[in-house]
């Protein structure tokens, strides 16, 4: 099971949908995050490897997105 920003993502969902389960991320932002992390939109959460998870976490942190599991604020 994939876990990002302190949230367990649902099993076997497309990543563009699964990211919306994180409070603060909508469809448009999910697509932007996936594109920046070089992860295909149609990739399933069950097929996500460690490198892709790491890239997604890094993009969320770099974009300084305020999300549910951790509060990243602009300085």
N, C-alpha and C. Protein backbone atom coordinates (compact mmCIF):
# COMPACT_ATOMS: atom_id res chain seq x y z
N UNK A 1 0.85 -1.18 0.00
CA UNK A 1 0.00 0.00 0.00
C UNK A 1 0.89 1.24 0.00
N UNK A 2 0.58 2.18 -0.88
CA UNK A 2 1.35 3.42 -0.98
C UNK A 2 0.92 4.39 0.12
N UNK A 3 1.90 5.10 0.67
CA UNK A 3 1.62 6.08 1.70
C UNK A 3 2.37 7.37 1.36
N UNK A 4 1.61 8.45 1.21
CA UNK A 4 2.18 9.75 0.90
C UNK A 4 1.56 10.80 1.81
N UNK A 5 2.36 11.73 2.28
CA UNK A 5 1.89 12.85 3.10
C UNK A 5 1.06 12.37 4.29
N UNK A 6 1.44 11.23 4.85
CA UNK A 6 0.76 10.71 6.03
C UNK A 6 -0.58 10.06 5.73
N UNK A 7 -0.87 9.79 4.47
CA UNK A 7 -2.15 9.21 4.08
C UNK A 7 -1.90 7.92 3.31
N UNK A 8 -2.63 6.86 3.70
CA UNK A 8 -2.58 5.61 2.94
C UNK A 8 -3.45 5.78 1.70
N UNK A 9 -2.84 5.63 0.54
CA UNK A 9 -3.61 5.75 -0.70
C UNK A 9 -4.40 4.47 -0.93
N UNK A 10 -5.57 4.57 -1.55
CA UNK A 10 -6.39 3.39 -1.80
C UNK A 10 -5.70 2.41 -2.74
N UNK A 11 -6.01 1.15 -2.57
CA UNK A 11 -5.39 0.10 -3.38
C UNK A 11 -5.96 0.08 -4.79
N UNK A 12 -5.07 -0.19 -5.74
CA UNK A 12 -5.42 -0.41 -7.14
C UNK A 12 -6.23 0.72 -7.78
N UNK A 13 -5.93 1.96 -7.42
CA UNK A 13 -6.55 3.12 -8.05
C UNK A 13 -5.51 3.77 -8.96
N UNK A 14 -5.99 4.44 -10.00
CA UNK A 14 -5.07 5.22 -10.83
C UNK A 14 -4.49 6.34 -9.98
N UNK A 15 -3.23 6.67 -10.21
CA UNK A 15 -2.54 7.66 -9.38
C UNK A 15 -3.18 9.04 -9.46
N UNK A 16 -3.72 9.43 -10.61
CA UNK A 16 -4.35 10.75 -10.70
C UNK A 16 -5.60 10.83 -9.83
N UNK A 17 -6.24 9.70 -9.56
CA UNK A 17 -7.39 9.66 -8.66
C UNK A 17 -6.92 9.46 -7.22
N UNK A 18 -5.96 8.59 -7.01
CA UNK A 18 -5.50 8.26 -5.66
C UNK A 18 -4.94 9.47 -4.93
N UNK A 19 -4.24 10.35 -5.63
CA UNK A 19 -3.67 11.53 -4.97
C UNK A 19 -4.75 12.46 -4.44
N UNK A 20 -5.94 12.41 -5.01
CA UNK A 20 -7.02 13.28 -4.53
C UNK A 20 -7.56 12.83 -3.17
N UNK A 21 -7.17 11.67 -2.71
CA UNK A 21 -7.55 11.20 -1.37
C UNK A 21 -6.77 11.95 -0.29
N UNK A 22 -5.73 12.68 -0.70
CA UNK A 22 -4.96 13.51 0.23
C UNK A 22 -5.63 14.87 0.28
N UNK A 23 -6.03 15.28 1.47
CA UNK A 23 -6.69 16.56 1.64
C UNK A 23 -5.77 17.68 1.16
N UNK A 24 -6.27 18.52 0.25
CA UNK A 24 -5.48 19.61 -0.30
C UNK A 24 -5.02 19.38 -1.72
N UNK A 25 -5.23 18.16 -2.24
CA UNK A 25 -4.84 17.85 -3.61
C UNK A 25 -6.09 17.49 -4.41
N UNK A 26 -6.35 18.27 -5.46
CA UNK A 26 -7.47 18.01 -6.36
C UNK A 26 -6.96 17.36 -7.64
N UNK A 27 -7.86 17.18 -8.60
CA UNK A 27 -7.50 16.50 -9.86
C UNK A 27 -6.42 17.26 -10.63
N UNK A 28 -6.57 18.57 -10.76
CA UNK A 28 -5.60 19.35 -11.53
C UNK A 28 -4.22 19.32 -10.87
N UNK A 29 -4.19 19.49 -9.57
CA UNK A 29 -2.92 19.48 -8.85
C UNK A 29 -2.30 18.08 -8.88
N UNK A 30 -3.12 17.04 -8.81
CA UNK A 30 -2.62 15.66 -8.87
C UNK A 30 -1.92 15.42 -10.21
N UNK A 31 -2.52 15.89 -11.29
CA UNK A 31 -1.91 15.71 -12.61
C UNK A 31 -0.60 16.49 -12.71
N UNK A 32 -0.56 17.68 -12.14
CA UNK A 32 0.65 18.49 -12.14
C UNK A 32 1.77 17.80 -11.35
N UNK A 33 1.43 17.24 -10.20
CA UNK A 33 2.41 16.54 -9.36
C UNK A 33 2.95 15.32 -10.09
N UNK A 34 2.07 14.54 -10.70
CA UNK A 34 2.49 13.33 -11.41
C UNK A 34 3.39 13.67 -12.59
N UNK A 35 3.05 14.72 -13.31
CA UNK A 35 3.87 15.12 -14.45
C UNK A 35 5.25 15.57 -13.98
N UNK A 36 5.31 16.35 -12.90
CA UNK A 36 6.60 16.82 -12.38
C UNK A 36 7.44 15.67 -11.84
N UNK A 37 6.79 14.63 -11.30
CA UNK A 37 7.51 13.48 -10.74
C UNK A 37 7.79 12.42 -11.81
N UNK A 38 7.33 12.66 -13.04
CA UNK A 38 7.52 11.72 -14.14
C UNK A 38 6.90 10.35 -13.84
N UNK A 39 5.67 10.38 -13.31
CA UNK A 39 4.90 9.17 -13.04
C UNK A 39 3.67 9.20 -13.94
N UNK A 40 3.42 8.14 -14.72
CA UNK A 40 2.26 8.14 -15.62
C UNK A 40 0.94 8.26 -14.85
N UNK A 41 -0.01 9.01 -15.43
CA UNK A 41 -1.32 9.19 -14.80
C UNK A 41 -2.05 7.87 -14.60
N UNK A 42 -1.90 6.97 -15.55
CA UNK A 42 -2.63 5.70 -15.49
C UNK A 42 -1.95 4.64 -14.63
N UNK A 43 -0.82 4.97 -14.03
CA UNK A 43 -0.12 4.03 -13.12
C UNK A 43 -1.03 3.74 -11.93
N UNK A 44 -1.09 2.49 -11.50
CA UNK A 44 -1.92 2.09 -10.36
C UNK A 44 -1.11 2.18 -9.07
N UNK A 45 -1.79 2.44 -7.97
CA UNK A 45 -1.10 2.57 -6.68
C UNK A 45 -0.36 1.29 -6.33
N UNK A 46 -0.92 0.14 -6.68
CA UNK A 46 -0.27 -1.14 -6.37
C UNK A 46 1.02 -1.34 -7.18
N UNK A 47 1.15 -0.64 -8.31
CA UNK A 47 2.31 -0.79 -9.18
C UNK A 47 3.39 0.26 -8.93
N UNK A 48 3.16 1.13 -7.98
CA UNK A 48 4.10 2.21 -7.67
C UNK A 48 5.36 1.64 -7.01
N UNK A 49 6.53 1.97 -7.55
CA UNK A 49 7.76 1.47 -6.92
C UNK A 49 8.34 2.53 -5.97
N UNK A 50 9.39 2.18 -5.26
CA UNK A 50 9.98 3.05 -4.24
C UNK A 50 10.51 4.36 -4.84
N UNK A 51 11.12 4.29 -6.00
CA UNK A 51 11.66 5.50 -6.63
C UNK A 51 10.55 6.48 -7.01
N UNK A 52 9.45 5.95 -7.53
CA UNK A 52 8.33 6.82 -7.89
C UNK A 52 7.70 7.44 -6.64
N UNK A 53 7.58 6.68 -5.58
CA UNK A 53 7.04 7.21 -4.32
C UNK A 53 7.93 8.33 -3.80
N UNK A 54 9.24 8.11 -3.86
CA UNK A 54 10.19 9.12 -3.40
C UNK A 54 10.07 10.39 -4.23
N UNK A 55 9.97 10.25 -5.55
CA UNK A 55 9.85 11.42 -6.42
C UNK A 55 8.56 12.19 -6.14
N UNK A 56 7.48 11.47 -5.88
CA UNK A 56 6.20 12.12 -5.56
C UNK A 56 6.32 12.92 -4.26
N UNK A 57 6.93 12.32 -3.24
CA UNK A 57 7.14 13.02 -1.97
C UNK A 57 7.97 14.29 -2.17
N UNK A 58 9.03 14.18 -2.96
CA UNK A 58 9.91 15.32 -3.22
C UNK A 58 9.17 16.44 -3.93
N UNK A 59 8.35 16.10 -4.91
CA UNK A 59 7.60 17.11 -5.65
C UNK A 59 6.61 17.81 -4.73
N UNK A 60 5.93 17.06 -3.90
CA UNK A 60 4.97 17.66 -2.96
C UNK A 60 5.70 18.62 -2.02
N UNK A 61 6.87 18.23 -1.55
CA UNK A 61 7.65 19.10 -0.66
C UNK A 61 8.21 20.31 -1.41
N UNK A 62 8.71 20.13 -2.62
CA UNK A 62 9.29 21.22 -3.39
C UNK A 62 8.24 22.27 -3.76
N UNK A 63 7.04 21.82 -4.10
CA UNK A 63 5.97 22.75 -4.46
C UNK A 63 5.38 23.42 -3.24
N UNK A 64 5.79 22.99 -2.06
CA UNK A 64 5.34 23.54 -0.79
C UNK A 64 3.81 23.54 -0.70
N UNK A 65 3.25 22.39 -1.00
CA UNK A 65 1.81 22.21 -0.95
C UNK A 65 1.39 21.89 0.48
N UNK A 66 0.38 22.59 0.96
CA UNK A 66 -0.12 22.33 2.30
C UNK A 66 -1.10 21.17 2.20
N UNK A 67 -0.72 20.03 2.79
CA UNK A 67 -1.55 18.83 2.70
C UNK A 67 -1.88 18.32 4.09
N UNK A 68 -2.74 17.34 4.11
CA UNK A 68 -3.29 16.77 5.33
C UNK A 68 -2.26 16.24 6.32
N UNK A 69 -1.40 15.34 5.89
CA UNK A 69 -0.51 14.64 6.80
C UNK A 69 0.63 15.47 7.35
N UNK A 70 1.07 16.45 6.59
CA UNK A 70 2.13 17.33 7.06
C UNK A 70 1.82 18.74 6.60
N UNK A 71 2.15 19.68 7.40
CA UNK A 71 1.83 21.06 7.09
C UNK A 71 3.08 21.75 6.55
N UNK A 72 3.14 21.89 5.25
CA UNK A 72 4.27 22.57 4.60
C UNK A 72 3.77 23.96 4.23
N UNK A 73 4.38 24.98 4.79
CA UNK A 73 3.92 26.34 4.54
C UNK A 73 5.00 27.14 3.81
N UNK A 74 4.57 28.18 3.15
CA UNK A 74 5.50 29.05 2.45
C UNK A 74 6.27 29.90 3.45
N UNK A 75 7.55 30.07 3.22
CA UNK A 75 8.39 30.87 4.13
C UNK A 75 8.36 32.33 3.73
